[in-house]
Structures are given as C-alpha cells and as structure tokens.
Amino acid sequence: MIKNHPQICLFRPEIPQNTGNIARLAAATQCRLHIITPTGFSTNDKNLRRAGLDYWPYLDLEVHESLDALLSQFEPEKVAFLSTKGEKYHSELPDNIQLLIFGQETKGLPKIYHEKFGQNFFKIPIFHQKVRSLNLANAVSIVLYQQLCRKQMPAPL
C-alpha cells in the first residue's frame, strides 16, 4: 500500500466478478482493499478468482465483520461514502479522503450511515433518467483514479 493512496471498502459485495475486478484495481494501484462481510460469494468462487487473474498475491486485503469497526480507525472527515443517494458529486471529494466506501450492488449502504454521515455521501453523475446506477467496479475505478490523479500519482513502473 502506498501511504497517501486512498483505501477502498466494499460493504457486503454480492457479485464475485465485481469484487475480483476491484481487487485487481486495488493491486495495480497499491491501494488497500477492505471487504465487509458477509459477501454474496465464497472466496474460492471461480468468477472472483478469474476476474482478479493472477494478481491476488499483490493485493493488500483486509476482511472485516463490521463497517463500524473499520470506521473507528479513520477520522470522519477523511471518509467518503459513494452512493446514488449522495447530494454532492464525486468531483467534489476533498483531497484528504483516506477511505472510499461503496455499498452493495443491489441494496447500497444501510440507511443508518446516510443518517450519521450524510455530509460524507457523494455520487457519480448519471446522464440518463432511466439508468439508476453504474456497475460497482466501474464506479470504484472512476472515483479511485480521480483521487489518485489529484494526489499526483507516482510515475508508473
């Protein structure tokens, strides 16, 4: 993990291919990936493994049973929740964000987090009124790379 890179958190992910793609992204960017259980799949799922290819040894992964336990490790103003229910756009994310939290593919994040951290909720714009959300792996990619570019990423290898 690179010290100033944001960390990624998936709250109870349901689709193994999404999680595998995000794991590959986290390995490539040297960002720690946190997964909040339970998940909708086994860690032995072939779709999860296939999407992550042979990059699993390079992944900095932590698995947690509780989002609250993970949140206790961060200052609230350095945490961002990405949700279709956000009032602000992802382009308004502060530069000092240390943890990017993404909800379940079908349910998003529990209402209690909206109530407690409403000012920390951001959304990615959708330009078609009939499209509710983006694919989770795409959403993580968009937000993560925007944050990395703001922090002036080190030159790639």
Foldseek 3Di string as FASTA:
>chain_A
DDVQAAAEEEEQEEDLLLQLLLQLVCLQQVHAYEYADDHNDDPPDPNNDVSVDPSVVSHRYHYHPDPVVVCVVDDLLQEAEEDLPAPAALLPRDLNRRYYYWYYPVPTDDPVCCVVNVVRYHYHDDDDPVDRHDRNSVVCVVNSVVSCVVVPHDDHD
